[in-house]
PDB file of N, CA and C in Angstrom:
ATOM      1  N   UNK A   1     109.631  54.310  31.663  1.00  0.00           N
ATOM      2  CA  UNK A   1     110.947  54.633  32.197  1.00  0.00           C
ATOM      3  C   UNK A   1     111.385  56.030  31.770  1.00  0.00           C
ATOM      4  N   UNK A   2     112.111  56.677  32.631  1.00  0.00           N
ATOM      5  CA  UNK A   2     112.649  57.994  32.318  1.00  0.00           C
ATOM      6  C   UNK A   2     113.837  57.849  31.380  1.00  0.00           C
ATOM      7  N   UNK A   3     114.213  58.937  30.752  1.00  0.00           N
ATOM      8  CA  UNK A   3     115.315  58.909  29.778  1.00  0.00           C
ATOM      9  C   UNK A   3     116.619  58.407  30.381  1.00  0.00           C
ATOM     10  N   UNK A   4     116.874  58.724  31.644  1.00  0.00           N
ATOM     11  CA  UNK A   4     118.137  58.320  32.265  1.00  0.00           C
ATOM     12  C   UNK A   4     118.132  56.875  32.727  1.00  0.00           C
ATOM     13  N   UNK A   5     117.022  56.157  32.596  1.00  0.00           N
ATOM     14  CA  UNK A   5     116.961  54.786  33.107  1.00  0.00           C
ATOM     15  C   UNK A   5     117.057  53.728  32.014  1.00  0.00           C
ATOM     16  N   UNK A   6     117.411  54.106  30.798  1.00  0.00           N
ATOM     17  CA  UNK A   6     117.545  53.124  29.727  1.00  0.00           C
ATOM     18  C   UNK A   6     118.794  52.280  29.957  1.00  0.00           C
ATOM     19  N   UNK A   7     118.790  51.070  29.419  1.00  0.00           N
ATOM     20  CA  UNK A   7     119.915  50.171  29.611  1.00  0.00           C
ATOM     21  C   UNK A   7     121.094  50.574  28.738  1.00  0.00           C
ATOM     22  N   UNK A   8     122.251  50.085  29.113  1.00  0.00           N
ATOM     23  CA  UNK A   8     123.469  50.387  28.373  1.00  0.00           C
ATOM     24  C   UNK A   8     123.340  49.897  26.937  1.00  0.00           C
ATOM     25  N   UNK A   9     123.899  50.624  26.025  1.00  0.00           N
ATOM     26  CA  UNK A   9     123.857  50.250  24.623  1.00  0.00           C
ATOM     27  C   UNK A   9     122.742  50.904  23.839  1.00  0.00           C
ATOM     28  N   UNK A  10     121.729  51.397  24.544  1.00  0.00           N
ATOM     29  CA  UNK A  10     120.657  52.097  23.858  1.00  0.00           C
ATOM     30  C   UNK A  10     121.132  53.493  23.511  1.00  0.00           C
ATOM     31  N   UNK A  11     120.852  53.935  22.324  1.00  0.00           N
ATOM     32  CA  UNK A  11     121.276  55.250  21.853  1.00  0.00           C
ATOM     33  C   UNK A  11     120.160  56.261  22.093  1.00  0.00           C
ATOM     34  N   UNK A  12     119.973  56.659  23.329  1.00  0.00           N
ATOM     35  CA  UNK A  12     118.944  57.645  23.662  1.00  0.00           C
ATOM     36  C   UNK A  12     119.589  58.756  24.470  1.00  0.00           C
ATOM     37  N   UNK A  13     119.108  59.942  24.258  1.00  0.00           N
ATOM     38  CA  UNK A  13     119.593  61.081  25.024  1.00  0.00           C
ATOM     39  C   UNK A  13     119.011  61.007  26.427  1.00  0.00           C
ATOM     40  N   UNK A  14     119.769  61.489  27.409  1.00  0.00           N
ATOM     41  CA  UNK A  14     119.215  61.546  28.760  1.00  0.00           C
ATOM     42  C   UNK A  14     118.486  62.869  28.991  1.00  0.00           C
ATOM     43  N   UNK A  15     118.464  63.720  27.969  1.00  0.00           N
ATOM     44  CA  UNK A  15     117.757  65.004  28.053  1.00  0.00           C
ATOM     45  C   UNK A  15     116.261  64.754  28.216  1.00  0.00           C
ATOM     46  N   UNK A  16     115.622  65.561  29.038  1.00  0.00           N
ATOM     47  CA  UNK A  16     114.184  65.436  29.243  1.00  0.00           C
ATOM     48  C   UNK A  16     113.474  65.636  27.900  1.00  0.00           C
ATOM     49  N   UNK A  17     112.698  64.659  27.442  1.00  0.00           N
ATOM     50  CA  UNK A  17     112.032  64.796  26.147  1.00  0.00           C
ATOM     51  C   UNK A  17     110.871  65.795  26.184  1.00  0.00           C
ATOM     52  N   UNK A  18     110.460  66.216  27.375  1.00  0.00           N
ATOM     53  CA  UNK A  18     109.357  67.169  27.491  1.00  0.00           C
ATOM     54  C   UNK A  18     109.855  68.605  27.402  1.00  0.00           C
ATOM     55  N   UNK A  19     110.786  68.981  28.282  1.00  0.00           N
ATOM     56  CA  UNK A  19     111.242  70.375  28.328  1.00  0.00           C
ATOM     57  C   UNK A  19     112.553  70.592  27.585  1.00  0.00           C
ATOM     58  N   UNK A  20     113.318  69.524  27.398  1.00  0.00           N
ATOM     59  CA  UNK A  20     114.611  69.584  26.706  1.00  0.00           C
ATOM     60  C   UNK A  20     115.583  70.575  27.356  1.00  0.00           C
ATOM     61  N   UNK A  21     115.458  70.754  28.682  1.00  0.00           N
ATOM     62  CA  UNK A  21     116.289  71.713  29.393  1.00  0.00           C
ATOM     63  C   UNK A  21     117.416  71.027  30.159  1.00  0.00           C
ATOM     64  N   UNK A  22     117.130  69.903  30.778  1.00  0.00           N
ATOM     65  CA  UNK A  22     118.134  69.208  31.575  1.00  0.00           C
ATOM     66  C   UNK A  22     117.855  67.716  31.549  1.00  0.00           C
ATOM     67  N   UNK A  23     118.740  66.895  32.093  1.00  0.00           N
ATOM     68  CA  UNK A  23     118.507  65.453  32.083  1.00  0.00           C
ATOM     69  C   UNK A  23     117.214  65.076  32.814  1.00  0.00           C
ATOM     70  N   UNK A  24     116.563  64.052  32.317  1.00  0.00           N
ATOM     71  CA  UNK A  24     115.309  63.596  32.913  1.00  0.00           C
ATOM     72  C   UNK A  24     115.616  62.605  34.036  1.00  0.00           C
ATOM     73  N   UNK A  25     115.942  63.146  35.183  1.00  0.00           N
ATOM     74  CA  UNK A  25     116.163  62.337  36.373  1.00  0.00           C
ATOM     75  C   UNK A  25     114.855  62.230  37.137  1.00  0.00           C
ATOM     76  N   UNK A  26     114.839  61.415  38.167  1.00  0.00           N
ATOM     77  CA  UNK A  26     113.639  61.292  38.999  1.00  0.00           C
ATOM     78  C   UNK A  26     113.317  62.639  39.645  1.00  0.00           C
ATOM     79  N   UNK A  27     114.342  63.338  40.146  1.00  0.00           N
ATOM     80  CA  UNK A  27     114.115  64.647  40.779  1.00  0.00           C
ATOM     81  C   UNK A  27     113.537  65.626  39.756  1.00  0.00           C
ATOM     82  N   UNK A  28     114.109  65.662  38.570  1.00  0.00           N
ATOM     83  CA  UNK A  28     113.606  66.565  37.530  1.00  0.00           C
ATOM     84  C   UNK A  28     112.154  66.243  37.198  1.00  0.00           C
ATOM     85  N   UNK A  29     111.857  64.968  36.993  1.00  0.00           N
ATOM     86  CA  UNK A  29     110.510  64.542  36.635  1.00  0.00           C
ATOM     87  C   UNK A  29     109.502  64.887  37.737  1.00  0.00           C
ATOM     88  N   UNK A  30     109.821  64.570  38.981  1.00  0.00           N
ATOM     89  CA  UNK A  30     108.865  64.777  40.072  1.00  0.00           C
ATOM     90  C   UNK A  30     108.746  66.234  40.517  1.00  0.00           C
ATOM     91  N   UNK A  31     109.827  67.007  40.409  1.00  0.00           N
ATOM     92  CA  UNK A  31     109.821  68.343  41.014  1.00  0.00           C
ATOM     93  C   UNK A  31     110.017  69.511  40.060  1.00  0.00           C
ATOM     94  N   UNK A  32     110.738  69.333  38.963  1.00  0.00           N
ATOM     95  CA  UNK A  32     111.196  70.505  38.232  1.00  0.00           C
ATOM     96  C   UNK A  32     110.740  70.671  36.784  1.00  0.00           C
ATOM     97  N   UNK A  33     110.391  69.618  36.093  1.00  0.00           N
ATOM     98  CA  UNK A  33     110.050  69.773  34.673  1.00  0.00           C
ATOM     99  C   UNK A  33     108.874  70.737  34.535  1.00  0.00           C
ATOM    100  N   UNK A  34     109.115  71.845  33.844  1.00  0.00           N
ATOM    101  CA  UNK A  34     108.093  72.900  33.703  1.00  0.00           C
ATOM    102  C   UNK A  34     106.875  72.437  32.899  1.00  0.00           C
ATOM    103  N   UNK A  35     107.066  71.499  32.008  1.00  0.00           N
ATOM    104  CA  UNK A  35     105.952  71.006  31.201  1.00  0.00           C
ATOM    105  C   UNK A  35     104.923  70.300  32.095  1.00  0.00           C
ATOM    106  N   UNK A  36     105.368  69.754  33.200  1.00  0.00           N
ATOM    107  CA  UNK A  36     104.483  69.032  34.128  1.00  0.00           C
ATOM    108  C   UNK A  36     104.038  69.887  35.310  1.00  0.00           C
ATOM    109  N   UNK A  37     104.401  71.155  35.309  1.00  0.00           N
ATOM    110  CA  UNK A  37     104.151  72.022  36.473  1.00  0.00           C
ATOM    111  C   UNK A  37     102.678  72.100  36.859  1.00  0.00           C
ATOM    112  N   UNK A  38     101.800  72.278  35.895  1.00  0.00           N
ATOM    113  CA  UNK A  38     100.364  72.401  36.217  1.00  0.00           C
ATOM    114  C   UNK A  38      99.807  71.110  36.792  1.00  0.00           C
ATOM    115  N   UNK A  39     100.248  69.974  36.269  1.00  0.00           N
ATOM    116  CA  UNK A  39      99.780  68.681  36.783  1.00  0.00           C
ATOM    117  C   UNK A  39     100.312  68.430  38.190  1.00  0.00           C
ATOM    118  N   UNK A  40     101.510  68.916  38.468  1.00  0.00           N
ATOM    119  CA  UNK A  40     102.176  68.688  39.742  1.00  0.00           C
ATOM    120  C   UNK A  40     101.663  69.604  40.850  1.00  0.00           C
ATOM    121  N   UNK A  41     101.355  70.844  40.511  1.00  0.00           N
ATOM    122  CA  UNK A  41     101.104  71.903  41.495  1.00  0.00           C
ATOM    123  C   UNK A  41     100.128  71.529  42.623  1.00  0.00           C
ATOM    124  N   UNK A  42      98.911  71.068  42.338  1.00  0.00           N
ATOM    125  CA  UNK A  42      97.980  70.821  43.447  1.00  0.00           C
ATOM    126  C   UNK A  42      98.456  69.723  44.402  1.00  0.00           C
ATOM    127  N   UNK A  43      99.117  68.717  43.860  1.00  0.00           N
ATOM    128  CA  UNK A  43      99.613  67.632  44.697  1.00  0.00           C
ATOM    129  C   UNK A  43     100.811  68.082  45.528  1.00  0.00           C
ATOM    130  N   UNK A  44     101.726  68.786  44.882  1.00  0.00           N
ATOM    131  CA  UNK A  44     102.936  69.209  45.574  1.00  0.00           C
ATOM    132  C   UNK A  44     102.613  70.165  46.716  1.00  0.00           C
ATOM    133  N   UNK A  45     101.625  71.002  46.550  1.00  0.00           N
ATOM    134  CA  UNK A  45     101.219  71.900  47.638  1.00  0.00           C
ATOM    135  C   UNK A  45     100.773  71.099  48.854  1.00  0.00           C
ATOM    136  N   UNK A  46      99.989  70.048  48.634  1.00  0.00           N
ATOM    137  CA  UNK A  46      99.535  69.201  49.754  1.00  0.00           C
ATOM    138  C   UNK A  46     100.703  68.445  50.384  1.00  0.00           C
ATOM    139  N   UNK A  47     101.637  67.994  49.558  1.00  0.00           N
ATOM    140  CA  UNK A  47     102.809  67.270  50.067  1.00  0.00           C
ATOM    141  C   UNK A  47     103.658  68.195  50.930  1.00  0.00           C
ATOM    142  N   UNK A  48     103.859  69.427  50.476  1.00  0.00           N
ATOM    143  CA  UNK A  48     104.636  70.395  51.260  1.00  0.00           C
ATOM    144  C   UNK A  48     103.937  70.727  52.577  1.00  0.00           C
ATOM    145  N   UNK A  49     102.610  70.803  52.566  1.00  0.00           N
ATOM    146  CA  UNK A  49     101.865  71.040  53.803  1.00  0.00           C
ATOM    147  C   UNK A  49     102.080  69.892  54.787  1.00  0.00           C
ATOM    148  N   UNK A  50     102.079  68.673  54.293  1.00  0.00           N
ATOM    149  CA  UNK A  50     102.336  67.507  55.146  1.00  0.00           C
ATOM    150  C   UNK A  50     103.741  67.583  55.734  1.00  0.00           C
ATOM    151  N   UNK A  51     104.715  67.945  54.913  1.00  0.00           N
ATOM    152  CA  UNK A  51     106.096  68.075  55.404  1.00  0.00           C
ATOM    153  C   UNK A  51     106.187  69.126  56.503  1.00  0.00           C
ATOM    154  N   UNK A  52     105.518  70.246  56.307  1.00  0.00           N
ATOM    155  CA  UNK A  52     105.527  71.295  57.341  1.00  0.00           C
ATOM    156  C   UNK A  52     104.867  70.803  58.624  1.00  0.00           C
ATOM    157  N   UNK A  53     103.769  70.075  58.471  1.00  0.00           N
ATOM    158  CA  UNK A  53     103.056  69.570  59.647  1.00  0.00           C
ATOM    159  C   UNK A  53     103.935  68.625  60.458  1.00  0.00           C
ATOM    160  N   UNK A  54     104.710  67.799  59.783  1.00  0.00           N
ATOM    161  CA  UNK A  54     105.591  66.852  60.468  1.00  0.00           C
ATOM    162  C   UNK A  54     106.997  67.411  60.702  1.00  0.00           C
ATOM    163  N   UNK A  55     107.203  68.670  60.305  1.00  0.00           N
ATOM    164  CA  UNK A  55     108.510  69.331  60.436  1.00  0.00           C
ATOM    165  C   UNK A  55     109.627  68.522  59.773  1.00  0.00           C
ATOM    166  N   UNK A  56     109.353  68.144  58.529  1.00  0.00           N
ATOM    167  CA  UNK A  56     110.303  67.374  57.728  1.00  0.00           C
ATOM    168  C   UNK A  56     110.936  68.314  56.713  1.00  0.00           C
ATOM    169  N   UNK A  57     112.228  68.154  56.511  1.00  0.00           N
ATOM    170  CA  UNK A  57     112.958  68.968  55.536  1.00  0.00           C
ATOM    171  C   UNK A  57     112.351  68.823  54.146  1.00  0.00           C
ATOM    172  N   UNK A  58     112.364  69.908  53.397  1.00  0.00           N
ATOM    173  CA  UNK A  58     111.830  69.851  52.033  1.00  0.00           C
ATOM    174  C   UNK A  58     112.920  70.057  50.983  1.00  0.00           C
ATOM    175  N   UNK A  59     114.161  69.672  51.319  1.00  0.00           N
ATOM    176  CA  UNK A  59     115.196  69.716  50.294  1.00  0.00           C
ATOM    177  C   UNK A  59     114.828  68.686  49.225  1.00  0.00           C
ATOM    178  N   UNK A  60     115.284  68.863  47.989  1.00  0.00           N
ATOM    179  CA  UNK A  60     114.840  67.998  46.889  1.00  0.00           C
ATOM    180  C   UNK A  60     115.008  66.495  47.144  1.00  0.00           C
ATOM    181  N   UNK A  61     116.152  66.076  47.672  1.00  0.00           N
ATOM    182  CA  UNK A  61     116.367  64.644  47.892  1.00  0.00           C
ATOM    183  C   UNK A  61     115.372  64.068  48.897  1.00  0.00           C
ATOM    184  N   UNK A  62     115.162  64.769  50.004  1.00  0.00           N
ATOM    185  CA  UNK A  62     114.214  64.306  51.016  1.00  0.00           C
ATOM    186  C   UNK A  62     112.798  64.326  50.469  1.00  0.00           C
ATOM    187  N   UNK A  63     112.465  65.364  49.741  1.00  0.00           N
ATOM    188  CA  UNK A  63     111.124  65.476  49.173  1.00  0.00           C
ATOM    189  C   UNK A  63     110.832  64.310  48.223  1.00  0.00           C
ATOM    190  N   UNK A  64     111.793  63.941  47.396  1.00  0.00           N
ATOM    191  CA  UNK A  64     111.607  62.804  46.492  1.00  0.00           C
ATOM    192  C   UNK A  64     111.423  61.521  47.292  1.00  0.00           C
ATOM    193  N   UNK A  65     112.211  61.337  48.343  1.00  0.00           N
ATOM    194  CA  UNK A  65     112.051  60.145  49.190  1.00  0.00           C
ATOM    195  C   UNK A  65     110.652  60.093  49.789  1.00  0.00           C
ATOM    196  N   UNK A  66     110.151  61.229  50.232  1.00  0.00           N
ATOM    197  CA  UNK A  66     108.819  61.293  50.842  1.00  0.00           C
ATOM    198  C   UNK A  66     107.727  61.041  49.806  1.00  0.00           C
ATOM    199  N   UNK A  67     107.952  61.471  48.585  1.00  0.00           N
ATOM    200  CA  UNK A  67     106.978  61.229  47.516  1.00  0.00           C
ATOM    201  C   UNK A  67     106.948  59.747  47.151  1.00  0.00           C
ATOM    202  N   UNK A  68     108.112  59.136  47.075  1.00  0.00           N
ATOM    203  CA  UNK A  68     108.189  57.743  46.633  1.00  0.00           C
ATOM    204  C   UNK A  68     107.955  56.718  47.731  1.00  0.00           C
ATOM    205  N   UNK A  69     108.130  57.115  48.989  1.00  0.00           N
ATOM    206  CA  UNK A  69     108.002  56.153  50.084  1.00  0.00           C
ATOM    207  C   UNK A  69     107.450  56.835  51.329  1.00  0.00           C
ATOM    208  N   UNK A  70     106.236  56.519  51.658  1.00  0.00           N
ATOM    209  CA  UNK A  70     105.540  57.092  52.811  1.00  0.00           C
ATOM    210  C   UNK A  70     106.264  56.812  54.130  1.00  0.00           C
ATOM    211  N   UNK A  71     107.137  55.810  54.153  1.00  0.00           N
ATOM    212  CA  UNK A  71     107.853  55.461  55.384  1.00  0.00           C
ATOM    213  C   UNK A  71     108.868  56.508  55.801  1.00  0.00           C
ATOM    214  N   UNK A  72     109.117  57.499  54.962  1.00  0.00           N
ATOM    215  CA  UNK A  72     110.061  58.557  55.315  1.00  0.00           C
ATOM    216  C   UNK A  72     109.410  59.652  56.155  1.00  0.00           C
ATOM    217  N   UNK A  73     108.122  59.504  56.437  1.00  0.00           N
ATOM    218  CA  UNK A  73     107.441  60.443  57.341  1.00  0.00           C
ATOM    219  C   UNK A  73     107.502  59.886  58.753  1.00  0.00           C
ATOM    220  N   UNK A  74     107.478  60.758  59.759  1.00  0.00           N
ATOM    221  CA  UNK A  74     107.553  60.280  61.139  1.00  0.00           C
ATOM    222  C   UNK A  74     106.326  59.472  61.573  1.00  0.00           C
ATOM    223  N   UNK A  75     105.201  59.682  60.919  1.00  0.00           N
ATOM    224  CA  UNK A  75     103.971  58.961  61.251  1.00  0.00           C
ATOM    225  C   UNK A  75     103.329  58.454  59.976  1.00  0.00           C
ATOM    226  N   UNK A  76     102.521  57.401  60.118  1.00  0.00           N
ATOM    227  CA  UNK A  76     101.773  56.883  58.980  1.00  0.00           C
ATOM    228  C   UNK A  76     100.682  57.876  58.609  1.00  0.00           C
ATOM    229  N   UNK A  77     100.638  58.281  57.379  1.00  0.00           N
ATOM    230  CA  UNK A  77      99.653  59.261  56.919  1.00  0.00           C
ATOM    231  C   UNK A  77      99.055  58.750  55.613  1.00  0.00           C
ATOM    232  N   UNK A  78      97.909  58.090  55.699  1.00  0.00           N
ATOM    233  CA  UNK A  78      97.274  57.493  54.514  1.00  0.00           C
ATOM    234  C   UNK A  78      96.891  58.551  53.484  1.00  0.00           C
ATOM    235  N   UNK A  79      96.493  59.736  53.951  1.00  0.00           N
ATOM    236  CA  UNK A  79      96.131  60.807  53.025  1.00  0.00           C
ATOM    237  C   UNK A  79      97.352  61.190  52.177  1.00  0.00           C
ATOM    238  N   UNK A  80      98.508  61.270  52.812  1.00  0.00           N
ATOM    239  CA  UNK A  80      99.746  61.593  52.102  1.00  0.00           C
ATOM    240  C   UNK A  80     100.063  60.513  51.066  1.00  0.00           C
ATOM    241  N   UNK A  81      99.891  59.278  51.445  1.00  0.00           N
ATOM    242  CA  UNK A  81     100.178  58.173  50.531  1.00  0.00           C
ATOM    243  C   UNK A  81      99.305  58.251  49.278  1.00  0.00           C
ATOM    244  N   UNK A  82      98.029  58.542  49.450  1.00  0.00           N
ATOM    245  CA  UNK A  82      97.111  58.674  48.312  1.00  0.00           C
ATOM    246  C   UNK A  82      97.519  59.871  47.449  1.00  0.00           C
ATOM    247  N   UNK A  83      97.866  60.981  48.082  1.00  0.00           N
ATOM    248  CA  UNK A  83      98.271  62.185  47.351  1.00  0.00           C
ATOM    249  C   UNK A  83      99.505  61.917  46.500  1.00  0.00           C
ATOM    250  N   UNK A  84     100.512  61.300  47.089  1.00  0.00           N
ATOM    251  CA  UNK A  84     101.749  61.058  46.337  1.00  0.00           C
ATOM    252  C   UNK A  84     101.528  60.041  45.221  1.00  0.00           C
ATOM    253  N   UNK A  85     100.761  59.007  45.492  1.00  0.00           N
ATOM    254  CA  UNK A  85     100.464  58.011  44.462  1.00  0.00           C
ATOM    255  C   UNK A  85      99.731  58.663  43.288  1.00  0.00           C
ATOM    256  N   UNK A  86      98.755  59.494  43.603  1.00  0.00           N
ATOM    257  CA  UNK A  86      98.005  60.177  42.550  1.00  0.00           C
ATOM    258  C   UNK A  86      98.881  61.136  41.757  1.00  0.00           C
ATOM    259  N   UNK A  87      99.798  61.833  42.441  1.00  0.00           N
ATOM    260  CA  UNK A  87     100.682  62.760  41.752  1.00  0.00           C
ATOM    261  C   UNK A  87     101.585  62.020  40.767  1.00  0.00           C
ATOM    262  N   UNK A  88     102.199  60.947  41.213  1.00  0.00           N
ATOM    263  CA  UNK A  88     103.107  60.203  40.345  1.00  0.00           C
ATOM    264  C   UNK A  88     102.343  59.644  39.144  1.00  0.00           C
ATOM    265  N   UNK A  89     101.149  59.124  39.370  1.00  0.00           N
ATOM    266  CA  UNK A  89     100.343  58.614  38.273  1.00  0.00           C
ATOM    267  C   UNK A  89      99.975  59.728  37.298  1.00  0.00           C
ATOM    268  N   UNK A  90      99.565  60.877  37.828  1.00  0.00           N
ATOM    269  CA  UNK A  90      99.181  62.014  36.989  1.00  0.00           C
ATOM    270  C   UNK A  90     100.368  62.482  36.136  1.00  0.00           C
ATOM    271  N   UNK A  91     101.553  62.595  36.751  1.00  0.00           N
ATOM    272  CA  UNK A  91     102.739  63.019  36.002  1.00  0.00           C
ATOM    273  C   UNK A  91     103.095  62.003  34.920  1.00  0.00           C
ATOM    274  N   UNK A  92     103.055  60.735  35.282  1.00  0.00           N
ATOM    275  CA  UNK A  92     103.374  59.685  34.317  1.00  0.00           C
ATOM    276  C   UNK A  92     102.369  59.695  33.164  1.00  0.00           C
ATOM    277  N   UNK A  93     101.091  59.842  33.492  1.00  0.00           N
ATOM    278  CA  UNK A  93     100.044  59.872  32.464  1.00  0.00           C
ATOM    279  C   UNK A  93     100.233  61.047  31.521  1.00  0.00           C
ATOM    280  N   UNK A  94     100.492  62.220  32.086  1.00  0.00           N
ATOM    281  CA  UNK A  94     100.677  63.426  31.265  1.00  0.00           C
ATOM    282  C   UNK A  94     101.905  63.266  30.368  1.00  0.00           C
ATOM    283  N   UNK A  95     102.986  62.723  30.920  1.00  0.00           N
ATOM    284  CA  UNK A  95     104.200  62.492  30.137  1.00  0.00           C
ATOM    285  C   UNK A  95     103.900  61.565  28.969  1.00  0.00           C
ATOM    286  N   UNK A  96     103.186  60.479  29.241  1.00  0.00           N
ATOM    287  CA  UNK A  96     102.868  59.503  28.205  1.00  0.00           C
ATOM    288  C   UNK A  96     102.007  60.119  27.103  1.00  0.00           C
ATOM    289  N   UNK A  97     101.037  60.907  27.484  1.00  0.00           N
ATOM    290  CA  UNK A  97     100.160  61.544  26.494  1.00  0.00           C
ATOM    291  C   UNK A  97     100.955  62.534  25.643  1.00  0.00           C
ATOM    292  N   UNK A  98     101.780  63.350  26.274  1.00  0.00           N
ATOM    293  CA  UNK A  98     102.570  64.347  25.537  1.00  0.00           C
ATOM    294  C   UNK A  98     103.523  63.669  24.557  1.00  0.00           C
ATOM    295  N   UNK A  99     104.112  62.575  24.981  1.00  0.00           N
ATOM    296  CA  UNK A  99     105.080  61.889  24.124  1.00  0.00           C
ATOM    297  C   UNK A  99     104.413  60.959  23.118  1.00  0.00           C
ATOM    298  N   UNK A 100     103.082  60.922  23.138  1.00  0.00           N
ATOM    299  CA  UNK A 100     102.356  60.160  22.135  1.00  0.00           C
ATOM    300  C   UNK A 100     102.085  58.715  22.487  1.00  0.00           C
ATOM    301  N   UNK A 101     102.509  58.304  23.669  1.00  0.00           N
ATOM    302  CA  UNK A 101     102.285  56.911  24.051  1.00  0.00           C
ATOM    303  C   UNK A 101     100.913  56.671  24.624  1.00  0.00           C
ATOM    304  N   UNK A 102     100.369  57.685  25.303  1.00  0.00           N
ATOM    305  CA  UNK A 102      99.077  57.512  25.957  1.00  0.00           C
ATOM    306  C   UNK A 102      99.119  56.328  26.900  1.00  0.00           C
ATOM    307  N   UNK A 103      98.110  56.168  27.699  1.00  0.00           N
ATOM    308  CA  UNK A 103      98.036  55.027  28.596  1.00  0.00           C
ATOM    309  C   UNK A 103      96.872  54.118  28.260  1.00  0.00           C
ATOM    310  N   UNK A 104      96.005  54.596  27.366  1.00  0.00           N
ATOM    311  CA  UNK A 104      94.864  53.786  27.017  1.00  0.00           C
ATOM    312  C   UNK A 104      93.889  53.603  28.158  1.00  0.00           C
ATOM    313  N   UNK A 105      93.891  54.527  29.098  1.00  0.00           N
ATOM    314  CA  UNK A 105      93.021  54.437  30.256  1.00  0.00           C
ATOM    315  C   UNK A 105      91.997  55.559  30.185  1.00  0.00           C
ATOM    316  N   UNK A 106      90.747  55.201  30.320  1.00  0.00           N
ATOM    317  CA  UNK A 106      89.706  56.231  30.327  1.00  0.00           C
ATOM    318  C   UNK A 106      89.639  56.844  31.710  1.00  0.00           C
ATOM    319  N   UNK A 107      89.802  58.156  31.783  1.00  0.00           N
ATOM    320  CA  UNK A 107      89.781  58.832  33.074  1.00  0.00           C
ATOM    321  C   UNK A 107      88.514  59.633  33.285  1.00  0.00           C
ATOM    322  N   UNK A 108      87.650  59.674  32.296  1.00  0.00           N
ATOM    323  CA  UNK A 108      86.426  60.450  32.424  1.00  0.00           C
ATOM    324  C   UNK A 108      86.599  61.900  32.030  1.00  0.00           C
ATOM    325  N   UNK A 109      87.838  62.332  31.774  1.00  0.00           N
ATOM    326  CA  UNK A 109      88.106  63.706  31.349  1.00  0.00           C
ATOM    327  C   UNK A 109      88.057  63.783  29.829  1.00  0.00           C
ATOM    328  N   UNK A 110      87.468  64.838  29.313  1.00  0.00           N
ATOM    329  CA  UNK A 110      87.386  64.991  27.860  1.00  0.00           C
ATOM    330  C   UNK A 110      88.236  66.131  27.389  1.00  0.00           C
TER     331      UNK A 110
END
C-alpha cells in the first residue's frame, strides 16, 4: 500500500518514503516519483505511444486510468495491458526493494 492508503489511526506520514518530496499518491507513484523514473521510463514511453495512436488525452488523471484499467482505451489492446501490468509490477518491486521489504521473488536479474 502507498503511504496515503493507510487506515485511520495509523501514525504514518503521507510523504513519499522514496523521494520525500510530495505525498505518495497513486499519480505520484505511477507518474512522478523521481526515484522510480528509470524503472518507469521504458514502459511509460510505450503507454504514451498507445495513447497517441488512439488519440487519447495524456493528462495525468486520464493517464492513470489508462494504466490501471485497459477499458479506458477505445479498443482492446492486449499489448498495452501487458505493458501497464509490467510497469506497475516493476514500480512496486523497486519500491519494495528500496524500502527494504523486497518481494522475495527471483527475477533472474543479479
